[in-house]
Amino acid sequence: MTRPVLKTALLAIALLLTANAKAAGDAAVLDAIEGYMEFSEYSSSLIWPEQIPREDWGRVFVVDARDEAQFAQGHIPGAVNIEWRQAVARRGELPTDRMVVMYCNSGSLSAQAVFALRLLGHENVKVLQDGFEGWKAKGGFDAHERMSAPSH
């Protein structure tokens, strides 16, 4: 998912949540969403595979937000499977003392889960930009090294 597409997806989610909050008359939810959108930096909830050196992956709590069947077919080694729809209900399983990186196939579903978690105060949770497919295409754990290598 490209940056403009992800930004548009997040804006659409925010608008839907805002509309639902208004319809329900829940001022607290509306205030939380508006506050988050007003002060959130563009890249604060995004991380690219090439930004994480191989040695740092061991300190990252990785969440595969896809369903169990997709997870069983292949995932980032060490990842925990928490389907994106269950991320809020299972937020207690996420550490607060280190980075949490959540991914799906492309980044769109995990972005929705991360948005909700960040609204709830989990500022250490990030979306793996381009998801599992992007992680594989960029070299997996070696993406940082591949990007940093001098070109010939």
C-alpha atoms as a PDB file:
ATOM      1  CA  MET A   1       0.000   0.000   0.000  1.00  0.00           C
ATOM      2  CA  THR A   2       1.476   3.346  -0.990  1.00  0.00           C
ATOM      3  CA  ARG A   3       1.661   6.285   1.394  1.00  0.00           C
ATOM      4  CA  PRO A   4      -1.224   8.202  -0.228  1.00  0.00           C
ATOM      5  CA  VAL A   5      -3.412   5.081  -0.196  1.00  0.00           C
ATOM      6  CA  LEU A   6      -2.613   4.368   3.469  1.00  0.00           C
ATOM      7  CA  LYS A   7      -3.219   7.995   4.393  1.00  0.00           C
ATOM      8  CA  THR A   8      -6.556   7.908   2.560  1.00  0.00           C
ATOM      9  CA  ALA A   9      -7.500   4.625   4.263  1.00  0.00           C
ATOM     10  CA  LEU A  10      -6.718   6.043   7.701  1.00  0.00           C
ATOM     11  CA  LEU A  11      -8.702   9.191   6.948  1.00  0.00           C
ATOM     12  CA  ALA A  12     -11.658   7.089   5.789  1.00  0.00           C
ATOM     13  CA  ILE A  13     -11.517   5.054   8.990  1.00  0.00           C
ATOM     14  CA  ALA A  14     -11.389   8.214  11.066  1.00  0.00           C
ATOM     15  CA  LEU A  15     -14.366   9.662   9.226  1.00  0.00           C
ATOM     16  CA  LEU A  16     -16.381   6.472   9.678  1.00  0.00           C
ATOM     17  CA  LEU A  17     -15.530   6.319  13.360  1.00  0.00           C
ATOM     18  CA  THR A  18     -16.341  10.006  13.741  1.00  0.00           C
ATOM     19  CA  ALA A  19     -19.708   9.550  12.004  1.00  0.00           C
ATOM     20  CA  ASN A  20     -20.542   6.585  14.222  1.00  0.00           C
ATOM     21  CA  ALA A  21     -19.488   8.501  17.336  1.00  0.00           C
ATOM     22  CA  LYS A  22     -21.690  11.446  16.367  1.00  0.00           C
ATOM     23  CA  ALA A  23     -24.614   9.174  15.625  1.00  0.00           C
ATOM     24  CA  ALA A  24     -24.212   7.476  18.978  1.00  0.00           C
ATOM     25  CA  GLY A  25     -23.712  10.777  20.737  1.00  0.00           C
ATOM     26  CA  ASP A  26     -20.501   9.544  22.349  1.00  0.00           C
ATOM     27  CA  ALA A  27     -18.582  12.767  22.876  1.00  0.00           C
ATOM     28  CA  ALA A  28     -15.657  11.026  24.595  1.00  0.00           C
ATOM     29  CA  VAL A  29     -14.989   8.813  21.574  1.00  0.00           C
ATOM     30  CA  LEU A  30     -15.327  11.741  19.215  1.00  0.00           C
ATOM     31  CA  ASP A  31     -12.935  13.838  21.306  1.00  0.00           C
ATOM     32  CA  ALA A  32     -10.382  11.010  21.372  1.00  0.00           C
ATOM     33  CA  ILE A  33     -10.493  10.585  17.599  1.00  0.00           C
ATOM     34  CA  GLU A  34     -10.293  14.303  16.901  1.00  0.00           C
ATOM     35  CA  GLY A  35      -7.442  14.704  19.380  1.00  0.00           C
ATOM     36  CA  TYR A  36      -5.507  11.852  17.861  1.00  0.00           C
ATOM     37  CA  MET A  37      -6.000  13.096  14.307  1.00  0.00           C
ATOM     38  CA  GLU A  38      -5.000  16.632  15.261  1.00  0.00           C
ATOM     39  CA  PHE A  39      -1.723  15.693  16.955  1.00  0.00           C
ATOM     40  CA  SER A  40      -0.645  12.520  15.164  1.00  0.00           C
ATOM     41  CA  GLU A  41       2.434  12.820  12.983  1.00  0.00           C
ATOM     42  CA  TYR A  42       2.219  11.188   9.573  1.00  0.00           C
ATOM     43  CA  SER A  43       4.914   8.584  10.094  1.00  0.00           C
ATOM     44  CA  SER A  44       4.435   8.037  13.832  1.00  0.00           C
ATOM     45  CA  SER A  45       2.488   4.826  13.326  1.00  0.00           C
ATOM     46  CA  LEU A  46       4.349   3.508  10.274  1.00  0.00           C
ATOM     47  CA  ILE A  47       7.569   1.581   9.922  1.00  0.00           C
ATOM     48  CA  TRP A  48       9.164   0.057   6.845  1.00  0.00           C
ATOM     49  CA  PRO A  49      11.020  -3.274   6.892  1.00  0.00           C
ATOM     50  CA  GLU A  50      14.229  -1.548   5.865  1.00  0.00           C
ATOM     51  CA  GLN A  51      14.095   0.647   8.984  1.00  0.00           C
ATOM     52  CA  ILE A  52      14.616  -2.316  11.302  1.00  0.00           C
ATOM     53  CA  PRO A  53      18.131  -3.782  11.397  1.00  0.00           C
ATOM     54  CA  ARG A  54      18.294  -7.583  11.637  1.00  0.00           C
ATOM     55  CA  GLU A  55      19.612  -7.468  15.211  1.00  0.00           C
ATOM     56  CA  ASP A  56      16.683  -5.264  16.326  1.00  0.00           C
ATOM     57  CA  TRP A  57      13.958  -7.669  15.170  1.00  0.00           C
ATOM     58  CA  GLY A  58      14.547  -9.767  18.303  1.00  0.00           C
ATOM     59  CA  ARG A  59      13.454  -6.831  20.477  1.00  0.00           C
ATOM     60  CA  VAL A  60      10.313  -6.077  18.460  1.00  0.00           C
ATOM     61  CA  PHE A  61       6.992  -7.687  19.392  1.00  0.00           C
ATOM     62  CA  VAL A  62       5.617  -8.706  15.993  1.00  0.00           C
ATOM     63  CA  VAL A  63       1.898  -9.280  15.458  1.00  0.00           C
ATOM     64  CA  ASP A  64       0.504 -10.995  12.384  1.00  0.00           C
ATOM     65  CA  ALA A  65      -2.985  -9.515  12.049  1.00  0.00           C
ATOM     66  CA  ARG A  66      -4.162 -11.957   9.381  1.00  0.00           C
ATOM     67  CA  ASP A  67      -6.480 -14.891  10.023  1.00  0.00           C
ATOM     68  CA  GLU A  68      -5.217 -18.216  11.386  1.00  0.00           C
ATOM     69  CA  ALA A  69      -5.198 -19.925   7.975  1.00  0.00           C
ATOM     70  CA  GLN A  70      -2.955 -17.268   6.417  1.00  0.00           C
ATOM     71  CA  PHE A  71      -0.723 -17.274   9.485  1.00  0.00           C
ATOM     72  CA  ALA A  72      -0.361 -21.065   9.206  1.00  0.00           C
ATOM     73  CA  GLN A  73       0.691 -20.745   5.548  1.00  0.00           C
ATOM     74  CA  GLY A  74       3.589 -18.458   6.458  1.00  0.00           C
ATOM     75  CA  HIS A  75       4.486 -15.549   8.698  1.00  0.00           C
ATOM     76  CA  ILE A  76       7.394 -13.532  10.008  1.00  0.00           C
ATOM     77  CA  PRO A  77       9.322 -15.846  12.343  1.00  0.00           C
ATOM     78  CA  GLY A  78       8.524 -15.030  15.962  1.00  0.00           C
ATOM     79  CA  ALA A  79       5.236 -13.298  15.154  1.00  0.00           C
ATOM     80  CA  VAL A  80       2.164 -13.769  17.339  1.00  0.00           C
ATOM     81  CA  ASN A  81      -1.157 -14.217  15.550  1.00  0.00           C
ATOM     82  CA  ILE A  82      -3.818 -11.732  16.687  1.00  0.00           C
ATOM     83  CA  GLU A  83      -6.358 -11.174  13.934  1.00  0.00           C
ATOM     84  CA  TRP A  84      -6.858  -7.453  13.260  1.00  0.00           C
ATOM     85  CA  ARG A  85     -10.501  -7.552  14.393  1.00  0.00           C
ATOM     86  CA  GLN A  86      -9.407  -8.867  17.804  1.00  0.00           C
ATOM     87  CA  ALA A  87      -6.575  -6.405  18.378  1.00  0.00           C
ATOM     88  CA  VAL A  88      -8.549  -4.146  20.713  1.00  0.00           C
ATOM     89  CA  ALA A  89     -10.063  -7.032  22.695  1.00  0.00           C
ATOM     90  CA  ARG A  90      -6.616  -8.636  23.071  1.00  0.00           C
ATOM     91  CA  ARG A  91      -4.661  -5.426  23.660  1.00  0.00           C
ATOM     92  CA  GLY A  92      -3.650  -6.659  27.113  1.00  0.00           C
ATOM     93  CA  GLU A  93      -1.361  -9.181  25.386  1.00  0.00           C
ATOM     94  CA  LEU A  94       0.694  -6.382  23.827  1.00  0.00           C
ATOM     95  CA  PRO A  95       3.785  -5.169  25.656  1.00  0.00           C
ATOM     96  CA  THR A  96       3.997  -1.495  26.507  1.00  0.00           C
ATOM     97  CA  ASP A  97       7.759  -1.402  27.064  1.00  0.00           C
ATOM     98  CA  ARG A  98       8.922  -2.052  23.497  1.00  0.00           C
ATOM     99  CA  MET A  99       7.917  -1.534  19.902  1.00  0.00           C
ATOM    100  CA  VAL A 100       4.978  -3.561  18.607  1.00  0.00           C
ATOM    101  CA  VAL A 101       4.881  -4.013  14.828  1.00  0.00           C
ATOM    102  CA  MET A 102       1.635  -5.248  13.320  1.00  0.00           C
ATOM    103  CA  TYR A 103       1.221  -6.480   9.771  1.00  0.00           C
ATOM    104  CA  CYS A 104      -1.245  -8.129   7.412  1.00  0.00           C
ATOM    105  CA  ASN A 105      -0.688  -8.919   3.728  1.00  0.00           C
ATOM    106  CA  SER A 106      -0.471  -5.341   2.490  1.00  0.00           C
ATOM    107  CA  GLY A 107      -0.824  -3.111   5.560  1.00  0.00           C
ATOM    108  CA  SER A 108      -4.451  -2.016   5.152  1.00  0.00           C
ATOM    109  CA  LEU A 109      -6.158  -4.213   7.773  1.00  0.00           C
ATOM    110  CA  SER A 110      -3.330  -3.922  10.261  1.00  0.00           C
ATOM    111  CA  ALA A 111      -3.518  -0.134   9.824  1.00  0.00           C
ATOM    112  CA  GLN A 112      -7.107  -0.213  11.070  1.00  0.00           C
ATOM    113  CA  ALA A 113      -6.094  -2.202  14.149  1.00  0.00           C
ATOM    114  CA  VAL A 114      -3.120   0.063  14.842  1.00  0.00           C
ATOM    115  CA  PHE A 115      -5.291   3.149  14.489  1.00  0.00           C
ATOM    116  CA  ALA A 116      -7.723   1.813  17.092  1.00  0.00           C
ATOM    117  CA  LEU A 117      -4.907   0.766  19.440  1.00  0.00           C
ATOM    118  CA  ARG A 118      -3.209   4.147  19.158  1.00  0.00           C
ATOM    119  CA  LEU A 119      -6.498   5.873  19.953  1.00  0.00           C
ATOM    120  CA  LEU A 120      -6.526   3.779  23.122  1.00  0.00           C
ATOM    121  CA  GLY A 121      -3.060   5.040  24.062  1.00  0.00           C
ATOM    122  CA  HIS A 122      -0.778   2.331  22.641  1.00  0.00           C
ATOM    123  CA  GLU A 123       1.737   4.741  21.128  1.00  0.00           C
ATOM    124  CA  ASN A 124       4.357   1.987  20.720  1.00  0.00           C
ATOM    125  CA  VAL A 125       2.305   0.130  18.072  1.00  0.00           C
ATOM    126  CA  LYS A 126       3.242   0.570  14.415  1.00  0.00           C
ATOM    127  CA  VAL A 127       2.052  -0.728  11.049  1.00  0.00           C
ATOM    128  CA  LEU A 128       4.591  -2.608   8.960  1.00  0.00           C
ATOM    129  CA  GLN A 129       4.278  -0.647   5.730  1.00  0.00           C
ATOM    130  CA  ASP A 130       3.515  -2.920   2.751  1.00  0.00           C
ATOM    131  CA  GLY A 131       2.748  -5.830   5.111  1.00  0.00           C
ATOM    132  CA  PHE A 132       4.013  -9.383   4.874  1.00  0.00           C
ATOM    133  CA  GLU A 133       4.298  -9.253   1.100  1.00  0.00           C
ATOM    134  CA  GLY A 134       6.450  -6.115   1.234  1.00  0.00           C
ATOM    135  CA  TRP A 135       8.584  -7.602   4.015  1.00  0.00           C
ATOM    136  CA  LYS A 136       9.319 -10.670   1.866  1.00  0.00           C
ATOM    137  CA  ALA A 137       9.921  -8.631  -1.298  1.00  0.00           C
ATOM    138  CA  LYS A 138      12.374  -6.324   0.467  1.00  0.00           C
ATOM    139  CA  GLY A 139      14.427  -9.177   1.913  1.00  0.00           C
ATOM    140  CA  GLY A 140      12.749  -9.961   5.220  1.00  0.00           C
ATOM    141  CA  PHE A 141      15.102  -9.576   8.175  1.00  0.00           C
ATOM    142  CA  ASP A 142      17.816  -8.447   5.743  1.00  0.00           C
ATOM    143  CA  ALA A 143      15.823  -5.520   4.281  1.00  0.00           C
ATOM    144  CA  HIS A 144      17.810  -2.947   6.277  1.00  0.00           C
ATOM    145  CA  GLU A 145      21.146  -4.409   5.204  1.00  0.00           C
ATOM    146  CA  ARG A 146      20.035  -4.635   1.579  1.00  0.00           C
ATOM    147  CA  MET A 147      18.956  -0.999   1.590  1.00  0.00           C
ATOM    148  CA  SER A 148      22.144   0.124   3.322  1.00  0.00           C
ATOM    149  CA  ALA A 149      24.480  -1.777   0.963  1.00  0.00           C
ATOM    150  CA  PRO A 150      26.334   0.401  -1.516  1.00  0.00           C
ATOM    151  CA  SER A 151      25.020   0.078  -5.062  1.00  0.00           C
ATOM    152  CA  HIS A 152      27.475  -0.900  -7.757  1.00  0.00           C
END
